[in-house]
Amino acid sequence: MADITIEKTHDLLEKLAEYVMNEVPTRREMNARFERLETDVQETKENVRLILNGMGAQAKQLDIIRTEQVAFNSAFRGVDRY
């Protein structure tokens, strides 16, 4: 096992303090990140809602088209019979 000295311990503590001061985000920075994340999530939810509403509108249009096709086909077949 390596010799543990006051100097080595001091060096490690200095490195730790430097890391914490330079690399670990502050509480204010973390709050700002969470606020941005919350905003992004809300925007995403709104976009998904708009997409789903658009898909619902498309489904309604397809139902209308299908109904019109059935009516047209029925009328067209009726003309063929005569």
PDB file of N, CA and C in Angstrom:
ATOM      1  N   MET A   1       0.849  -1.171   0.000  1.00  0.00           N
ATOM      2  CA  MET A   1       0.000   0.000   0.000  1.00  0.00           C
ATOM      3  C   MET A   1       0.892   1.230   0.000  1.00  0.00           C
ATOM      4  N   ALA A   2       0.498   2.229  -0.788  1.00  0.00           N
ATOM      5  CA  ALA A   2       1.304   3.443  -0.893  1.00  0.00           C
ATOM      6  C   ALA A   2       1.292   4.190   0.433  1.00  0.00           C
ATOM      7  N   ASP A   3       2.368   4.890   0.664  1.00  0.00           N
ATOM      8  CA  ASP A   3       2.449   5.679   1.895  1.00  0.00           C
ATOM      9  C   ASP A   3       1.457   6.832   1.823  1.00  0.00           C
ATOM     10  N   ILE A   4       0.696   6.997   2.877  1.00  0.00           N
ATOM     11  CA  ILE A   4      -0.251   8.095   2.969  1.00  0.00           C
ATOM     12  C   ILE A   4       0.434   9.212   3.732  1.00  0.00           C
ATOM     13  N   THR A   5       0.526  10.346   3.052  1.00  0.00           N
ATOM     14  CA  THR A   5       1.185  11.486   3.700  1.00  0.00           C
ATOM     15  C   THR A   5       0.229  12.671   3.687  1.00  0.00           C
ATOM     16  N   ILE A   6       0.544  13.648   4.522  1.00  0.00           N
ATOM     17  CA  ILE A   6      -0.268  14.865   4.572  1.00  0.00           C
ATOM     18  C   ILE A   6      -0.227  15.575   3.221  1.00  0.00           C
ATOM     19  N   GLU A   7       0.938  15.566   2.584  1.00  0.00           N
ATOM     20  CA  GLU A   7       1.085  16.242   1.288  1.00  0.00           C
ATOM     21  C   GLU A   7       0.193  15.580   0.221  1.00  0.00           C
ATOM     22  N   LYS A   8       0.199  14.243   0.180  1.00  0.00           N
ATOM     23  CA  LYS A   8      -0.635  13.538  -0.794  1.00  0.00           C
ATOM     24  C   LYS A   8      -2.119  13.782  -0.522  1.00  0.00           C
ATOM     25  N   THR A   9      -2.486  13.751   0.744  1.00  0.00           N
ATOM     26  CA  THR A   9      -3.872  14.002   1.113  1.00  0.00           C
ATOM     27  C   THR A   9      -4.265  15.427   0.718  1.00  0.00           C
ATOM     28  N   HIS A  10      -3.375  16.377   0.974  1.00  0.00           N
ATOM     29  CA  HIS A  10      -3.636  17.770   0.611  1.00  0.00           C
ATOM     30  C   HIS A  10      -3.788  17.918  -0.905  1.00  0.00           C
ATOM     31  N   ASP A  11      -2.914  17.282  -1.670  1.00  0.00           N
ATOM     32  CA  ASP A  11      -3.003  17.336  -3.128  1.00  0.00           C
ATOM     33  C   ASP A  11      -4.337  16.767  -3.615  1.00  0.00           C
ATOM     34  N   LEU A  12      -4.753  15.637  -3.049  1.00  0.00           N
ATOM     35  CA  LEU A  12      -6.028  15.039  -3.440  1.00  0.00           C
ATOM     36  C   LEU A  12      -7.203  15.955  -3.102  1.00  0.00           C
ATOM     37  N   LEU A  13      -7.150  16.585  -1.930  1.00  0.00           N
ATOM     38  CA  LEU A  13      -8.213  17.506  -1.543  1.00  0.00           C
ATOM     39  C   LEU A  13      -8.255  18.722  -2.464  1.00  0.00           C
ATOM     40  N   GLU A  14      -7.093  19.212  -2.877  1.00  0.00           N
ATOM     41  CA  GLU A  14      -7.054  20.342  -3.813  1.00  0.00           C
ATOM     42  C   GLU A  14      -7.663  19.948  -5.162  1.00  0.00           C
ATOM     43  N   LYS A  15      -7.336  18.740  -5.629  1.00  0.00           N
ATOM     44  CA  LYS A  15      -7.896  18.263  -6.892  1.00  0.00           C
ATOM     45  C   LYS A  15      -9.408  18.115  -6.790  1.00  0.00           C
ATOM     46  N   LEU A  16      -9.864  17.584  -5.648  1.00  0.00           N
ATOM     47  CA  LEU A  16     -11.297  17.433  -5.433  1.00  0.00           C
ATOM     48  C   LEU A  16     -11.986  18.796  -5.404  1.00  0.00           C
ATOM     49  N   ALA A  17     -11.413  19.738  -4.688  1.00  0.00           N
ATOM     50  CA  ALA A  17     -11.999  21.077  -4.603  1.00  0.00           C
ATOM     51  C   ALA A  17     -12.040  21.726  -5.989  1.00  0.00           C
ATOM     52  N   GLU A  18     -10.982  21.589  -6.770  1.00  0.00           N
ATOM     53  CA  GLU A  18     -10.945  22.153  -8.120  1.00  0.00           C
ATOM     54  C   GLU A  18     -12.031  21.516  -8.998  1.00  0.00           C
ATOM     55  N   TYR A  19     -12.166  20.208  -8.891  1.00  0.00           N
ATOM     56  CA  TYR A  19     -13.202  19.513  -9.661  1.00  0.00           C
ATOM     57  C   TYR A  19     -14.592  20.020  -9.279  1.00  0.00           C
ATOM     58  N   VAL A  20     -14.849  20.105  -7.992  1.00  0.00           N
ATOM     59  CA  VAL A  20     -16.166  20.544  -7.529  1.00  0.00           C
ATOM     60  C   VAL A  20     -16.431  21.978  -7.976  1.00  0.00           C
ATOM     61  N   MET A  21     -15.447  22.846  -7.898  1.00  0.00           N
ATOM     62  CA  MET A  21     -15.628  24.245  -8.272  1.00  0.00           C
ATOM     63  C   MET A  21     -15.823  24.419  -9.776  1.00  0.00           C
ATOM     64  N   ASN A  22     -15.171  23.593 -10.585  1.00  0.00           N
ATOM     65  CA  ASN A  22     -15.182  23.787 -12.037  1.00  0.00           C
ATOM     66  C   ASN A  22     -16.129  22.864 -12.790  1.00  0.00           C
ATOM     67  N   GLU A  23     -16.409  21.699 -12.272  1.00  0.00           N
ATOM     68  CA  GLU A  23     -17.153  20.698 -13.036  1.00  0.00           C
ATOM     69  C   GLU A  23     -18.565  20.428 -12.517  1.00  0.00           C
ATOM     70  N   VAL A  24     -18.782  20.525 -11.249  1.00  0.00           N
ATOM     71  CA  VAL A  24     -20.091  20.218 -10.674  1.00  0.00           C
ATOM     72  C   VAL A  24     -20.984  21.455 -10.828  1.00  0.00           C
ATOM     73  N   PRO A  25     -22.165  21.294 -11.464  1.00  0.00           N
ATOM     74  CA  PRO A  25     -23.039  22.456 -11.661  1.00  0.00           C
ATOM     75  C   PRO A  25     -23.587  22.974 -10.334  1.00  0.00           C
ATOM     76  N   THR A  26     -23.808  24.280 -10.301  1.00  0.00           N
ATOM     77  CA  THR A  26     -24.373  24.887  -9.094  1.00  0.00           C
ATOM     78  C   THR A  26     -25.872  24.595  -9.037  1.00  0.00           C
ATOM     79  N   ARG A  27     -26.455  24.861  -7.906  1.00  0.00           N
ATOM     80  CA  ARG A  27     -27.898  24.658  -7.735  1.00  0.00           C
ATOM     81  C   ARG A  27     -28.660  25.548  -8.715  1.00  0.00           C
ATOM     82  N   ARG A  28     -28.186  26.783  -8.907  1.00  0.00           N
ATOM     83  CA  ARG A  28     -28.840  27.704  -9.829  1.00  0.00           C
ATOM     84  C   ARG A  28     -28.775  27.171 -11.257  1.00  0.00           C
ATOM     85  N   GLU A  29     -27.621  26.631 -11.649  1.00  0.00           N
ATOM     86  CA  GLU A  29     -27.486  26.043 -12.984  1.00  0.00           C
ATOM     87  C   GLU A  29     -28.403  24.836 -13.152  1.00  0.00           C
ATOM     88  N   MET A  30     -28.492  24.019 -12.119  1.00  0.00           N
ATOM     89  CA  MET A  30     -29.362  22.839 -12.198  1.00  0.00           C
ATOM     90  C   MET A  30     -30.828  23.264 -12.307  1.00  0.00           C
ATOM     91  N   ASN A  31     -31.220  24.292 -11.535  1.00  0.00           N
ATOM     92  CA  ASN A  31     -32.607  24.776 -11.632  1.00  0.00           C
ATOM     93  C   ASN A  31     -32.898  25.272 -13.039  1.00  0.00           C
ATOM     94  N   ALA A  32     -31.950  25.998 -13.619  1.00  0.00           N
ATOM     95  CA  ALA A  32     -32.144  26.502 -14.978  1.00  0.00           C
ATOM     96  C   ALA A  32     -32.283  25.344 -15.960  1.00  0.00           C
ATOM     97  N   ARG A  33     -31.485  24.301 -15.779  1.00  0.00           N
ATOM     98  CA  ARG A  33     -31.583  23.124 -16.655  1.00  0.00           C
ATOM     99  C   ARG A  33     -32.942  22.448 -16.515  1.00  0.00           C
ATOM    100  N   PHE A  34     -33.416  22.315 -15.279  1.00  0.00           N
ATOM    101  CA  PHE A  34     -34.721  21.683 -15.058  1.00  0.00           C
ATOM    102  C   PHE A  34     -35.846  22.531 -15.642  1.00  0.00           C
ATOM    103  N   GLU A  35     -35.720  23.851 -15.529  1.00  0.00           N
ATOM    104  CA  GLU A  35     -36.738  24.726 -16.106  1.00  0.00           C
ATOM    105  C   GLU A  35     -36.761  24.593 -17.627  1.00  0.00           C
ATOM    106  N   ARG A  36     -35.582  24.538 -18.257  1.00  0.00           N
ATOM    107  CA  ARG A  36     -35.526  24.336 -19.714  1.00  0.00           C
ATOM    108  C   ARG A  36     -36.113  22.984 -20.088  1.00  0.00           C
ATOM    109  N   LEU A  37     -35.792  21.971 -19.300  1.00  0.00           N
ATOM    110  CA  LEU A  37     -36.323  20.632 -19.558  1.00  0.00           C
ATOM    111  C   LEU A  37     -37.846  20.628 -19.441  1.00  0.00           C
ATOM    112  N   GLU A  38     -38.366  21.286 -18.417  1.00  0.00           N
ATOM    113  CA  GLU A  38     -39.812  21.354 -18.237  1.00  0.00           C
ATOM    114  C   GLU A  38     -40.470  22.054 -19.430  1.00  0.00           C
ATOM    115  N   THR A  39     -39.859  23.136 -19.892  1.00  0.00           N
ATOM    116  CA  THR A  39     -40.382  23.840 -21.062  1.00  0.00           C
ATOM    117  C   THR A  39     -40.357  22.940 -22.289  1.00  0.00           C
ATOM    118  N   ASP A  40     -39.254  22.232 -22.483  1.00  0.00           N
ATOM    119  CA  ASP A  40     -39.144  21.319 -23.625  1.00  0.00           C
ATOM    120  C   ASP A  40     -40.203  20.221 -23.564  1.00  0.00           C
ATOM    121  N   VAL A  41     -40.447  19.686 -22.379  1.00  0.00           N
ATOM    122  CA  VAL A  41     -41.452  18.629 -22.217  1.00  0.00           C
ATOM    123  C   VAL A  41     -42.843  19.170 -22.547  1.00  0.00           C
ATOM    124  N   GLN A  42     -43.143  20.391 -22.075  1.00  0.00           N
ATOM    125  CA  GLN A  42     -44.449  20.989 -22.363  1.00  0.00           C
ATOM    126  C   GLN A  42     -44.624  21.215 -23.862  1.00  0.00           C
ATOM    127  N   GLU A  43     -43.563  21.695 -24.525  1.00  0.00           N
ATOM    128  CA  GLU A  43     -43.637  21.904 -25.975  1.00  0.00           C
ATOM    129  C   GLU A  43     -43.828  20.576 -26.701  1.00  0.00           C
ATOM    130  N   THR A  44     -43.149  19.550 -26.243  1.00  0.00           N
ATOM    131  CA  THR A  44     -43.280  18.233 -26.859  1.00  0.00           C
ATOM    132  C   THR A  44     -44.700  17.704 -26.681  1.00  0.00           C
ATOM    133  N   LYS A  45     -45.249  17.869 -25.484  1.00  0.00           N
ATOM    134  CA  LYS A  45     -46.630  17.429 -25.240  1.00  0.00           C
ATOM    135  C   LYS A  45     -47.595  18.140 -26.173  1.00  0.00           C
ATOM    136  N   GLU A  46     -47.384  19.441 -26.354  1.00  0.00           N
ATOM    137  CA  GLU A  46     -48.261  20.211 -27.244  1.00  0.00           C
ATOM    138  C   GLU A  46     -48.118  19.722 -28.681  1.00  0.00           C
ATOM    139  N   ASN A  47     -46.891  19.467 -29.110  1.00  0.00           N
ATOM    140  CA  ASN A  47     -46.668  18.964 -30.471  1.00  0.00           C
ATOM    141  C   ASN A  47     -47.324  17.602 -30.679  1.00  0.00           C
ATOM    142  N   VAL A  48     -47.215  16.731 -29.694  1.00  0.00           N
ATOM    143  CA  VAL A  48     -47.847  15.410 -29.796  1.00  0.00           C
ATOM    144  C   VAL A  48     -49.367  15.559 -29.861  1.00  0.00           C
ATOM    145  N   ARG A  49     -49.908  16.464 -29.044  1.00  0.00           N
ATOM    146  CA  ARG A  49     -51.352  16.699 -29.066  1.00  0.00           C
ATOM    147  C   ARG A  49     -51.797  17.181 -30.449  1.00  0.00           C
ATOM    148  N   LEU A  50     -51.031  18.107 -31.030  1.00  0.00           N
ATOM    149  CA  LEU A  50     -51.374  18.607 -32.365  1.00  0.00           C
ATOM    150  C   LEU A  50     -51.304  17.499 -33.409  1.00  0.00           C
ATOM    151  N   ILE A  51     -50.291  16.660 -33.303  1.00  0.00           N
ATOM    152  CA  ILE A  51     -50.147  15.542 -34.246  1.00  0.00           C
ATOM    153  C   ILE A  51     -51.333  14.585 -34.118  1.00  0.00           C
ATOM    154  N   LEU A  52     -51.683  14.247 -32.883  1.00  0.00           N
ATOM    155  CA  LEU A  52     -52.808  13.328 -32.672  1.00  0.00           C
ATOM    156  C   LEU A  52     -54.120  13.926 -33.160  1.00  0.00           C
ATOM    157  N   ASN A  53     -54.312  15.220 -32.925  1.00  0.00           N
ATOM    158  CA  ASN A  53     -55.528  15.868 -33.430  1.00  0.00           C
ATOM    159  C   ASN A  53     -55.555  15.832 -34.951  1.00  0.00           C
ATOM    160  N   GLY A  54     -54.412  16.070 -35.585  1.00  0.00           N
ATOM    161  CA  GLY A  54     -54.330  16.003 -37.040  1.00  0.00           C
ATOM    162  C   GLY A  54     -54.627  14.609 -37.558  1.00  0.00           C
ATOM    163  N   MET A  55     -54.119  13.603 -36.853  1.00  0.00           N
ATOM    164  CA  MET A  55     -54.384  12.224 -37.256  1.00  0.00           C
ATOM    165  C   MET A  55     -55.869  11.901 -37.102  1.00  0.00           C
ATOM    166  N   GLY A  56     -56.489  12.429 -36.051  1.00  0.00           N
ATOM    167  CA  GLY A  56     -57.923  12.217 -35.862  1.00  0.00           C
ATOM    168  C   GLY A  56     -58.720  12.853 -36.991  1.00  0.00           C
ATOM    169  N   ALA A  57     -58.313  14.046 -37.395  1.00  0.00           N
ATOM    170  CA  ALA A  57     -58.995  14.722 -38.507  1.00  0.00           C
ATOM    171  C   ALA A  57     -58.820  13.930 -39.802  1.00  0.00           C
ATOM    172  N   GLN A  58     -57.623  13.383 -40.011  1.00  0.00           N
ATOM    173  CA  GLN A  58     -57.394  12.565 -41.210  1.00  0.00           C
ATOM    174  C   GLN A  58     -58.259  11.307 -41.187  1.00  0.00           C
ATOM    175  N   ALA A  59     -58.387  10.701 -40.023  1.00  0.00           N
ATOM    176  CA  ALA A  59     -59.220   9.501 -39.917  1.00  0.00           C
ATOM    177  C   ALA A  59     -60.673   9.831 -40.248  1.00  0.00           C
ATOM    178  N   LYS A  60     -61.151  10.990 -39.793  1.00  0.00           N
ATOM    179  CA  LYS A  60     -62.523  11.395 -40.117  1.00  0.00           C
ATOM    180  C   LYS A  60     -62.679  11.603 -41.622  1.00  0.00           C
ATOM    181  N   GLN A  61     -61.678  12.234 -42.230  1.00  0.00           N
ATOM    182  CA  GLN A  61     -61.739  12.447 -43.681  1.00  0.00           C
ATOM    183  C   GLN A  61     -61.752  11.112 -44.432  1.00  0.00           C
ATOM    184  N   LEU A  62     -60.949  10.160 -43.969  1.00  0.00           N
ATOM    185  CA  LEU A  62     -60.943   8.844 -44.609  1.00  0.00           C
ATOM    186  C   LEU A  62     -62.300   8.158 -44.471  1.00  0.00           C
ATOM    187  N   ASP A  63     -62.932   8.308 -43.321  1.00  0.00           N
ATOM    188  CA  ASP A  63     -64.274   7.741 -43.143  1.00  0.00           C
ATOM    189  C   ASP A  63     -65.268   8.362 -44.122  1.00  0.00           C
ATOM    190  N   ILE A  64     -65.177   9.672 -44.298  1.00  0.00           N
ATOM    191  CA  ILE A  64     -66.061  10.355 -45.252  1.00  0.00           C
ATOM    192  C   ILE A  64     -65.804   9.843 -46.665  1.00  0.00           C
ATOM    193  N   ILE A  65     -64.524   9.706 -47.027  1.00  0.00           N
ATOM    194  CA  ILE A  65     -64.177   9.217 -48.370  1.00  0.00           C
ATOM    195  C   ILE A  65     -64.701   7.799 -48.572  1.00  0.00           C
ATOM    196  N   ARG A  66     -64.538   6.949 -47.560  1.00  0.00           N
ATOM    197  CA  ARG A  66     -65.039   5.572 -47.664  1.00  0.00           C
ATOM    198  C   ARG A  66     -66.555   5.556 -47.867  1.00  0.00           C
ATOM    199  N   THR A  67     -67.253   6.384 -47.106  1.00  0.00           N
ATOM    200  CA  THR A  67     -68.713   6.450 -47.239  1.00  0.00           C
ATOM    201  C   THR A  67     -69.094   6.910 -48.643  1.00  0.00           C
ATOM    202  N   GLU A  68     -68.390   7.922 -49.141  1.00  0.00           N
ATOM    203  CA  GLU A  68     -68.670   8.408 -50.496  1.00  0.00           C
ATOM    204  C   GLU A  68     -68.377   7.330 -51.543  1.00  0.00           C
ATOM    205  N   GLN A  69     -67.305   6.573 -51.336  1.00  0.00           N
ATOM    206  CA  GLN A  69     -66.971   5.503 -52.280  1.00  0.00           C
ATOM    207  C   GLN A  69     -68.052   4.430 -52.284  1.00  0.00           C
ATOM    208  N   VAL A  70     -68.522   4.073 -51.109  1.00  0.00           N
ATOM    209  CA  VAL A  70     -69.583   3.061 -51.023  1.00  0.00           C
ATOM    210  C   VAL A  70     -70.827   3.567 -51.738  1.00  0.00           C
ATOM    211  N   ALA A  71     -71.183   4.824 -51.492  1.00  0.00           N
ATOM    212  CA  ALA A  71     -72.377   5.380 -52.149  1.00  0.00           C
ATOM    213  C   ALA A  71     -72.174   5.426 -53.661  1.00  0.00           C
ATOM    214  N   PHE A  72     -71.007   5.840 -54.114  1.00  0.00           N
ATOM    215  CA  PHE A  72     -70.728   5.903 -55.544  1.00  0.00           C
ATOM    216  C   PHE A  72     -70.784   4.518 -56.169  1.00  0.00           C
ATOM    217  N   ASN A  73     -70.137   3.547 -55.517  1.00  0.00           N
ATOM    218  CA  ASN A  73     -70.134   2.179 -56.041  1.00  0.00           C
ATOM    219  C   ASN A  73     -71.542   1.610 -56.103  1.00  0.00           C
ATOM    220  N   SER A  74     -72.334   1.865 -55.069  1.00  0.00           N
ATOM    221  CA  SER A  74     -73.718   1.375 -55.079  1.00  0.00           C
ATOM    222  C   SER A  74     -74.500   2.008 -56.223  1.00  0.00           C
ATOM    223  N   ALA A  75     -74.321   3.302 -56.403  1.00  0.00           N
ATOM    224  CA  ALA A  75     -75.029   3.988 -57.492  1.00  0.00           C
ATOM    225  C   ALA A  75     -74.529   3.505 -58.844  1.00  0.00           C
ATOM    226  N   PHE A  76     -73.231   3.313 -58.969  1.00  0.00           N
ATOM    227  CA  PHE A  76     -72.651   2.878 -60.240  1.00  0.00           C
ATOM    228  C   PHE A  76     -73.110   1.462 -60.593  1.00  0.00           C
ATOM    229  N   ARG A  77     -73.132   0.572 -59.596  1.00  0.00           N
ATOM    230  CA  ARG A  77     -73.619  -0.788 -59.838  1.00  0.00           C
ATOM    231  C   ARG A  77     -75.090  -0.800 -60.197  1.00  0.00           C
ATOM    232  N   GLY A  78     -75.839   0.107 -59.591  1.00  0.00           N
ATOM    233  CA  GLY A  78     -77.260   0.201 -59.884  1.00  0.00           C
ATOM    234  C   GLY A  78     -77.480   0.610 -61.330  1.00  0.00           C
ATOM    235  N   VAL A  79     -76.626   1.439 -61.886  1.00  0.00           N
ATOM    236  CA  VAL A  79     -76.739   1.877 -63.267  1.00  0.00           C
ATOM    237  C   VAL A  79     -76.416   0.696 -64.188  1.00  0.00           C
ATOM    238  N   ASP A  80     -75.456  -0.143 -63.842  1.00  0.00           N
ATOM    239  CA  ASP A  80     -75.082  -1.299 -64.649  1.00  0.00           C
ATOM    240  C   ASP A  80     -76.219  -2.305 -64.755  1.00  0.00           C
ATOM    241  N   ARG A  81     -77.030  -2.413 -63.747  1.00  0.00           N
ATOM    242  CA  ARG A  81     -78.092  -3.420 -63.754  1.00  0.00           C
ATOM    243  C   ARG A  81     -79.183  -3.101 -64.750  1.00  0.00           C
ATOM    244  N   TYR A  82     -79.360  -1.846 -65.075  1.00  0.00           N
ATOM    245  CA  TYR A  82     -80.472  -1.477 -65.954  1.00  0.00           C
ATOM    246  C   TYR A  82     -80.067  -1.488 -67.350  1.00  0.00           C
TER     247      TYR A  82
END
